[in-house]
Amino acid sequence: MQVNTYESKSIPIQDVTGLTLADVVNKTCLVGLSYFNLQGELLKQNLITGSVTAVDAEMGITLQLQQKADGSAADFILPANLSCWFSAPKGEFHTSQDGVKVQDPDYLVTWDVHQTKDTTADGEQQWWEWVARTTPPQVGG
């Protein structure tokens, strides 16, 4: 596994060349998600954290999200693409959820999620395209 270091503001960020799905099992990650509409306008951004509990090349990477203050947790599935996974710097990171933070995660992961259909019938699922953000994320300042 090869590690490359990037300067991201004042904190170095490293990408991990040769990372495999098996390497991320039982690792913690901080995931940044940016959602865009059909016109490319930002709808919202979320920052979540969890531990990888399962990996499958077709089904994706399953995270068990960090528990909220009430003890509840959920699974979240990411695409099985590791091109947007970077070694995380040491530190405490706060998520978009009140009271949920992570200390020294193993990886930083960023995805852009684009809406692909304008309208859907009631009860029909919306369609989204996941695009890996392969530029190292910016941390600190």
N, C-alpha and C. Protein backbone atom coordinates (compact mmCIF):
# COMPACT_ATOMS: atom_id res chain seq x y z
N MET A 1 0.85 -1.17 0.00
CA MET A 1 0.00 0.00 0.00
C MET A 1 0.90 1.23 0.00
N GLN A 2 0.68 2.14 -0.91
CA GLN A 2 1.46 3.37 -1.03
C GLN A 2 0.66 4.53 -0.46
N VAL A 3 1.33 5.40 0.30
CA VAL A 3 0.67 6.55 0.90
C VAL A 3 1.25 7.81 0.30
N ASN A 4 0.38 8.70 -0.19
CA ASN A 4 0.79 10.00 -0.72
C ASN A 4 0.25 11.07 0.21
N THR A 5 1.05 12.09 0.51
CA THR A 5 0.65 13.16 1.42
C THR A 5 0.29 14.42 0.63
N TYR A 6 -0.82 15.06 1.04
CA TYR A 6 -1.27 16.31 0.44
C TYR A 6 -1.38 17.34 1.55
N GLU A 7 -1.10 18.59 1.24
CA GLU A 7 -1.35 19.65 2.20
C GLU A 7 -2.76 20.15 1.96
N SER A 8 -3.56 20.16 2.99
CA SER A 8 -4.93 20.62 2.91
C SER A 8 -5.10 21.69 3.98
N LYS A 9 -4.97 22.91 3.56
CA LYS A 9 -4.86 24.04 4.48
C LYS A 9 -3.66 23.74 5.36
N SER A 10 -3.85 23.54 6.68
CA SER A 10 -2.70 23.34 7.56
C SER A 10 -2.51 21.88 7.99
N ILE A 11 -3.40 20.98 7.57
CA ILE A 11 -3.33 19.59 8.02
C ILE A 11 -3.06 18.69 6.82
N PRO A 12 -2.02 17.85 6.89
CA PRO A 12 -1.73 16.97 5.76
C PRO A 12 -2.79 15.87 5.62
N ILE A 13 -3.21 15.59 4.40
CA ILE A 13 -4.16 14.54 4.09
C ILE A 13 -3.43 13.54 3.21
N GLN A 14 -3.63 12.25 3.44
CA GLN A 14 -2.95 11.23 2.67
C GLN A 14 -3.95 10.37 1.91
N ASP A 15 -3.65 10.09 0.64
CA ASP A 15 -4.44 9.08 -0.04
C ASP A 15 -3.69 7.77 0.10
N VAL A 16 -4.42 6.69 -0.06
CA VAL A 16 -3.84 5.38 0.16
C VAL A 16 -3.98 4.59 -1.13
N THR A 17 -2.91 4.52 -1.89
CA THR A 17 -2.92 3.77 -3.14
C THR A 17 -2.84 2.29 -2.82
N GLY A 18 -3.66 1.49 -3.47
CA GLY A 18 -3.65 0.06 -3.24
C GLY A 18 -4.59 -0.39 -2.13
N LEU A 19 -5.40 0.52 -1.60
CA LEU A 19 -6.37 0.17 -0.57
C LEU A 19 -7.38 -0.81 -1.15
N THR A 20 -7.71 -1.86 -0.40
CA THR A 20 -8.70 -2.84 -0.86
C THR A 20 -9.93 -2.80 0.04
N LEU A 21 -11.02 -3.38 -0.42
CA LEU A 21 -12.23 -3.44 0.40
C LEU A 21 -11.95 -4.13 1.73
N ALA A 22 -11.17 -5.19 1.71
CA ALA A 22 -10.86 -5.91 2.95
C ALA A 22 -10.12 -5.02 3.95
N ASP A 23 -9.33 -4.07 3.45
CA ASP A 23 -8.56 -3.17 4.33
C ASP A 23 -9.45 -2.26 5.19
N VAL A 24 -10.66 -1.96 4.74
CA VAL A 24 -11.48 -0.98 5.44
C VAL A 24 -12.45 -1.59 6.46
N VAL A 25 -12.56 -2.91 6.49
CA VAL A 25 -13.45 -3.55 7.46
C VAL A 25 -12.98 -3.23 8.87
N ASN A 26 -13.93 -2.88 9.72
CA ASN A 26 -13.71 -2.51 11.12
C ASN A 26 -12.96 -1.19 11.29
N LYS A 27 -12.88 -0.40 10.25
CA LYS A 27 -12.24 0.92 10.32
C LYS A 27 -13.32 1.99 10.47
N THR A 28 -12.95 3.11 11.08
CA THR A 28 -13.89 4.23 11.22
C THR A 28 -13.64 5.24 10.10
N CYS A 29 -14.71 5.87 9.67
CA CYS A 29 -14.55 6.89 8.65
C CYS A 29 -15.51 8.04 8.90
N LEU A 30 -15.10 9.18 8.41
CA LEU A 30 -15.90 10.39 8.41
C LEU A 30 -16.27 10.63 6.96
N VAL A 31 -17.56 10.69 6.67
CA VAL A 31 -18.04 10.74 5.28
C VAL A 31 -18.74 12.08 5.04
N GLY A 32 -18.25 12.81 4.03
CA GLY A 32 -18.88 14.05 3.60
C GLY A 32 -19.71 13.78 2.37
N LEU A 33 -20.99 14.15 2.42
CA LEU A 33 -21.92 13.94 1.31
C LEU A 33 -22.47 15.28 0.87
N SER A 34 -22.34 15.58 -0.43
CA SER A 34 -22.91 16.80 -1.01
C SER A 34 -23.95 16.38 -2.02
N TYR A 35 -25.19 16.84 -1.85
CA TYR A 35 -26.30 16.48 -2.73
C TYR A 35 -26.62 17.63 -3.67
N PHE A 36 -26.77 17.32 -4.97
CA PHE A 36 -27.03 18.32 -6.00
C PHE A 36 -28.30 17.98 -6.77
N ASN A 37 -29.04 19.03 -7.20
CA ASN A 37 -30.22 18.80 -8.04
C ASN A 37 -29.80 18.66 -9.50
N LEU A 38 -30.76 18.51 -10.39
CA LEU A 38 -30.48 18.32 -11.82
C LEU A 38 -29.72 19.48 -12.44
N GLN A 39 -29.90 20.68 -11.90
CA GLN A 39 -29.23 21.87 -12.41
C GLN A 39 -27.82 22.03 -11.83
N GLY A 40 -27.41 21.11 -10.97
CA GLY A 40 -26.08 21.18 -10.38
C GLY A 40 -26.00 22.09 -9.16
N GLU A 41 -27.16 22.53 -8.67
CA GLU A 41 -27.19 23.39 -7.49
C GLU A 41 -27.13 22.53 -6.23
N LEU A 42 -26.34 22.99 -5.27
CA LEU A 42 -26.20 22.27 -4.01
C LEU A 42 -27.52 22.28 -3.25
N LEU A 43 -28.00 21.09 -2.89
CA LEU A 43 -29.23 20.97 -2.10
C LEU A 43 -28.93 20.93 -0.62
N LYS A 44 -27.95 20.11 -0.24
CA LYS A 44 -27.57 20.01 1.17
C LYS A 44 -26.25 19.27 1.28
N GLN A 45 -25.64 19.39 2.46
CA GLN A 45 -24.41 18.66 2.77
C GLN A 45 -24.59 17.99 4.12
N ASN A 46 -24.09 16.77 4.21
CA ASN A 46 -24.12 16.01 5.46
C ASN A 46 -22.73 15.51 5.77
N LEU A 47 -22.43 15.40 7.04
CA LEU A 47 -21.19 14.82 7.50
C LEU A 47 -21.58 13.75 8.51
N ILE A 48 -21.25 12.48 8.18
CA ILE A 48 -21.63 11.36 9.03
C ILE A 48 -20.39 10.56 9.40
N THR A 49 -20.49 9.75 10.42
CA THR A 49 -19.37 8.91 10.83
C THR A 49 -19.88 7.53 11.22
N GLY A 50 -19.02 6.55 11.01
CA GLY A 50 -19.38 5.18 11.39
C GLY A 50 -18.22 4.24 11.18
N SER A 51 -18.48 2.98 11.49
CA SER A 51 -17.49 1.91 11.32
C SER A 51 -17.94 0.97 10.22
N VAL A 52 -17.00 0.54 9.39
CA VAL A 52 -17.31 -0.38 8.30
C VAL A 52 -17.58 -1.76 8.90
N THR A 53 -18.77 -2.28 8.63
CA THR A 53 -19.15 -3.60 9.16
C THR A 53 -19.16 -4.68 8.09
N ALA A 54 -19.29 -4.28 6.82
CA ALA A 54 -19.33 -5.27 5.74
C ALA A 54 -18.93 -4.60 4.44
N VAL A 55 -18.34 -5.39 3.55
CA VAL A 55 -17.99 -4.90 2.22
C VAL A 55 -18.38 -5.94 1.18
N ASP A 56 -18.83 -5.46 0.05
CA ASP A 56 -19.19 -6.32 -1.07
C ASP A 56 -18.98 -5.52 -2.34
N ALA A 57 -18.25 -6.07 -3.29
CA ALA A 57 -17.92 -5.34 -4.51
C ALA A 57 -19.15 -4.89 -5.27
N GLU A 58 -20.26 -5.61 -5.16
CA GLU A 58 -21.49 -5.23 -5.87
C GLU A 58 -22.45 -4.44 -4.99
N MET A 59 -22.60 -4.86 -3.74
CA MET A 59 -23.60 -4.23 -2.85
C MET A 59 -23.08 -2.96 -2.18
N GLY A 60 -21.77 -2.84 -2.04
CA GLY A 60 -21.21 -1.62 -1.46
C GLY A 60 -20.56 -1.84 -0.10
N ILE A 61 -20.27 -0.73 0.55
CA ILE A 61 -19.59 -0.70 1.85
C ILE A 61 -20.62 -0.30 2.90
N THR A 62 -20.86 -1.17 3.86
CA THR A 62 -21.85 -0.90 4.90
C THR A 62 -21.18 -0.30 6.12
N LEU A 63 -21.67 0.86 6.50
CA LEU A 63 -21.21 1.54 7.72
C LEU A 63 -22.29 1.39 8.78
N GLN A 64 -21.88 1.09 10.00
CA GLN A 64 -22.80 1.25 11.11
C GLN A 64 -22.52 2.64 11.64
N LEU A 65 -23.51 3.51 11.47
CA LEU A 65 -23.33 4.90 11.87
C LEU A 65 -23.15 4.99 13.38
N GLN A 66 -22.36 5.96 13.80
CA GLN A 66 -22.12 6.15 15.23
C GLN A 66 -23.43 6.45 15.92
N GLN A 67 -23.59 5.90 17.09
CA GLN A 67 -24.83 6.06 17.84
C GLN A 67 -25.06 7.50 18.24
N LYS A 68 -26.33 7.87 18.20
CA LYS A 68 -26.73 9.18 18.69
C LYS A 68 -26.81 9.11 20.21
N ALA A 69 -27.06 10.22 20.83
CA ALA A 69 -27.13 10.29 22.29
C ALA A 69 -28.19 9.34 22.86
N ASP A 70 -29.26 9.09 22.08
CA ASP A 70 -30.31 8.19 22.57
C ASP A 70 -29.97 6.71 22.37
N GLY A 71 -28.77 6.42 21.84
CA GLY A 71 -28.34 5.04 21.66
C GLY A 71 -28.75 4.41 20.34
N SER A 72 -29.51 5.14 19.53
CA SER A 72 -29.94 4.57 18.25
C SER A 72 -28.83 4.67 17.21
N ALA A 73 -28.78 3.69 16.33
CA ALA A 73 -27.80 3.67 15.26
C ALA A 73 -28.46 3.07 14.03
N ALA A 74 -27.89 3.33 12.88
CA ALA A 74 -28.43 2.81 11.63
C ALA A 74 -27.28 2.42 10.72
N ASP A 75 -27.59 1.62 9.71
CA ASP A 75 -26.60 1.28 8.69
C ASP A 75 -26.74 2.25 7.53
N PHE A 76 -25.63 2.52 6.87
CA PHE A 76 -25.60 3.39 5.69
C PHE A 76 -24.68 2.72 4.69
N ILE A 77 -25.12 2.61 3.44
CA ILE A 77 -24.33 1.91 2.43
C ILE A 77 -23.75 2.91 1.43
N LEU A 78 -22.43 2.81 1.25
CA LEU A 78 -21.69 3.62 0.28
C LEU A 78 -21.32 2.75 -0.91
N PRO A 79 -21.13 3.34 -2.08
CA PRO A 79 -20.62 2.58 -3.22
C PRO A 79 -19.26 1.96 -2.90
N ALA A 80 -18.95 0.85 -3.54
CA ALA A 80 -17.71 0.11 -3.28
C ALA A 80 -16.55 0.66 -4.10
N ASN A 81 -16.40 1.97 -4.10
CA ASN A 81 -15.34 2.65 -4.83
C ASN A 81 -14.44 3.31 -3.79
N LEU A 82 -13.17 2.94 -3.75
CA LEU A 82 -12.25 3.46 -2.73
C LEU A 82 -11.40 4.63 -3.22
N SER A 83 -11.69 5.14 -4.42
CA SER A 83 -10.87 6.24 -4.97
C SER A 83 -11.02 7.53 -4.18
N CYS A 84 -12.06 7.64 -3.37
CA CYS A 84 -12.30 8.87 -2.60
C CYS A 84 -12.05 8.66 -1.11
N TRP A 85 -11.31 7.61 -0.77
CA TRP A 85 -10.94 7.34 0.63
C TRP A 85 -9.53 7.85 0.87
N PHE A 86 -9.37 8.65 1.93
CA PHE A 86 -8.08 9.23 2.29
C PHE A 86 -7.81 8.98 3.77
N SER A 87 -6.54 8.75 4.12
CA SER A 87 -6.18 8.61 5.52
C SER A 87 -6.50 9.92 6.24
N ALA A 88 -7.14 9.79 7.40
CA ALA A 88 -7.56 10.98 8.15
C ALA A 88 -6.47 11.45 9.09
N PRO A 89 -6.35 12.76 9.27
CA PRO A 89 -5.43 13.28 10.28
C PRO A 89 -6.03 13.03 11.67
N LYS A 90 -5.20 13.06 12.67
CA LYS A 90 -5.65 12.92 14.06
C LYS A 90 -6.48 14.14 14.43
N GLY A 91 -7.49 13.91 15.26
CA GLY A 91 -8.29 15.02 15.74
C GLY A 91 -9.71 14.60 16.03
N GLU A 92 -10.46 15.54 16.58
CA GLU A 92 -11.88 15.33 16.86
C GLU A 92 -12.69 16.03 15.78
N PHE A 93 -13.64 15.30 15.21
CA PHE A 93 -14.46 15.81 14.12
C PHE A 93 -15.93 15.77 14.53
N HIS A 94 -16.64 16.86 14.29
CA HIS A 94 -18.06 16.94 14.59
C HIS A 94 -18.84 16.66 13.31
N THR A 95 -19.94 15.94 13.44
CA THR A 95 -20.76 15.60 12.28
C THR A 95 -21.94 16.56 12.16
N SER A 96 -22.81 16.29 11.20
CA SER A 96 -24.00 17.11 10.99
C SER A 96 -25.07 16.81 12.04
N GLN A 97 -24.94 15.70 12.76
CA GLN A 97 -25.92 15.32 13.77
C GLN A 97 -25.52 15.88 15.12
N ASP A 98 -26.49 16.42 15.84
CA ASP A 98 -26.20 16.99 17.16
C ASP A 98 -25.60 15.94 18.08
N GLY A 99 -24.49 16.29 18.71
CA GLY A 99 -23.88 15.43 19.70
C GLY A 99 -23.10 14.25 19.16
N VAL A 100 -22.99 14.11 17.85
CA VAL A 100 -22.24 13.00 17.28
C VAL A 100 -20.91 13.52 16.75
N LYS A 101 -19.83 12.97 17.30
CA LYS A 101 -18.50 13.34 16.85
C LYS A 101 -17.63 12.09 16.87
N VAL A 102 -16.47 12.19 16.22
CA VAL A 102 -15.56 11.05 16.15
C VAL A 102 -14.15 11.54 16.45
N GLN A 103 -13.42 10.74 17.19
CA GLN A 103 -12.04 11.04 17.54
C GLN A 103 -11.12 10.16 16.70
N ASP A 104 -10.20 10.77 15.98
CA ASP A 104 -9.18 10.06 15.20
C ASP A 104 -9.75 8.99 14.27
N PRO A 105 -10.62 9.37 13.33
CA PRO A 105 -11.12 8.36 12.38
C PRO A 105 -9.96 7.84 11.52
N ASP A 106 -10.15 6.66 10.95
CA ASP A 106 -9.12 6.09 10.08
C ASP A 106 -9.11 6.76 8.71
N TYR A 107 -10.31 7.07 8.19
CA TYR A 107 -10.42 7.57 6.82
C TYR A 107 -11.38 8.75 6.72
N LEU A 108 -11.09 9.63 5.75
CA LEU A 108 -12.01 10.68 5.31
C LEU A 108 -12.50 10.25 3.93
N VAL A 109 -13.81 10.36 3.71
CA VAL A 109 -14.43 9.91 2.46
C VAL A 109 -15.37 11.02 1.98
N THR A 110 -15.33 11.36 0.68
CA THR A 110 -16.24 12.40 0.18
C THR A 110 -16.90 11.95 -1.11
N TRP A 111 -18.20 12.18 -1.18
CA TRP A 111 -19.02 11.84 -2.34
C TRP A 111 -19.90 13.02 -2.73
N ASP A 112 -20.07 13.21 -4.05
CA ASP A 112 -21.08 14.12 -4.58
C ASP A 112 -22.21 13.25 -5.09
N VAL A 113 -23.43 13.56 -4.68
CA VAL A 113 -24.59 12.74 -5.03
C VAL A 113 -25.53 13.62 -5.86
N HIS A 114 -25.71 13.23 -7.14
CA HIS A 114 -26.46 14.06 -8.09
C HIS A 114 -27.82 13.44 -8.41
N GLN A 115 -28.85 14.28 -8.35
CA GLN A 115 -30.19 13.85 -8.72
C GLN A 115 -30.19 13.58 -10.23
N THR A 116 -30.84 12.48 -10.66
CA THR A 116 -30.83 12.14 -12.09
C THR A 116 -32.21 12.18 -12.73
N LYS A 117 -33.26 12.33 -11.95
CA LYS A 117 -34.63 12.46 -12.48
C LYS A 117 -35.28 13.67 -11.84
N ASP A 118 -36.02 14.41 -12.63
CA ASP A 118 -36.65 15.62 -12.12
C ASP A 118 -37.86 15.31 -11.25
N THR A 119 -38.72 14.44 -11.70
CA THR A 119 -39.93 14.13 -10.94
C THR A 119 -40.12 12.62 -10.87
N THR A 120 -40.75 12.19 -9.81
CA THR A 120 -41.10 10.78 -9.66
C THR A 120 -42.54 10.70 -9.20
N ALA A 121 -43.21 9.62 -9.59
CA ALA A 121 -44.59 9.40 -9.15
C ALA A 121 -44.59 9.09 -7.66
N ASP A 122 -45.74 9.34 -7.02
CA ASP A 122 -45.85 9.04 -5.59
C ASP A 122 -45.48 7.58 -5.35
N GLY A 123 -44.65 7.36 -4.34
CA GLY A 123 -44.26 6.02 -3.99
C GLY A 123 -43.10 5.47 -4.80
N GLU A 124 -42.67 6.21 -5.82
CA GLU A 124 -41.55 5.77 -6.66
C GLU A 124 -40.26 6.34 -6.10
N GLN A 125 -39.22 5.55 -6.13
CA GLN A 125 -37.95 6.00 -5.56
C GLN A 125 -37.30 7.06 -6.44
N GLN A 126 -36.58 7.98 -5.79
CA GLN A 126 -35.80 8.97 -6.53
C GLN A 126 -34.51 8.32 -7.00
N TRP A 127 -33.93 8.85 -8.05
CA TRP A 127 -32.70 8.30 -8.59
C TRP A 127 -31.55 9.28 -8.41
N TRP A 128 -30.42 8.75 -7.94
CA TRP A 128 -29.26 9.56 -7.65
C TRP A 128 -28.02 8.89 -8.22
N GLU A 129 -27.09 9.68 -8.71
CA GLU A 129 -25.81 9.17 -9.19
C GLU A 129 -24.73 9.59 -8.19
N TRP A 130 -23.96 8.61 -7.73
CA TRP A 130 -22.88 8.87 -6.78
C TRP A 130 -21.59 9.08 -7.55
N VAL A 131 -20.92 10.20 -7.29
CA VAL A 131 -19.66 10.53 -7.95
C VAL A 131 -18.59 10.70 -6.87
N ALA A 132 -17.56 9.85 -6.96
CA ALA A 132 -16.47 9.91 -5.99
C ALA A 132 -15.71 11.22 -6.14
N ARG A 133 -15.48 11.91 -5.03
CA ARG A 133 -14.68 13.13 -5.05
C ARG A 133 -13.24 12.72 -4.73
N THR A 134 -12.41 12.66 -5.77
CA THR A 134 -11.07 12.10 -5.63
C THR A 134 -10.00 13.11 -5.24
N THR A 135 -10.39 14.36 -5.08
CA THR A 135 -9.48 15.39 -4.58
C THR A 135 -9.47 15.30 -3.06
N PRO A 136 -8.30 15.32 -2.43
CA PRO A 136 -8.26 15.24 -0.97
C PRO A 136 -9.13 16.31 -0.32
N PRO A 137 -9.90 15.93 0.70
CA PRO A 137 -10.76 16.92 1.37
C PRO A 137 -9.92 17.94 2.14
N GLN A 138 -10.51 19.10 2.39
CA GLN A 138 -9.82 20.14 3.15
C GLN A 138 -10.26 20.07 4.60
N VAL A 139 -9.29 20.05 5.48
CA VAL A 139 -9.54 19.94 6.91
C VAL A 139 -8.74 21.01 7.63
N GLY A 140 -9.34 21.60 8.64
CA GLY A 140 -8.61 22.60 9.44
C GLY A 140 -8.63 23.96 8.79
N GLY A 141 -7.82 24.81 9.30
CA GLY A 141 -7.79 26.12 8.68
C GLY A 141 -7.07 27.14 9.46
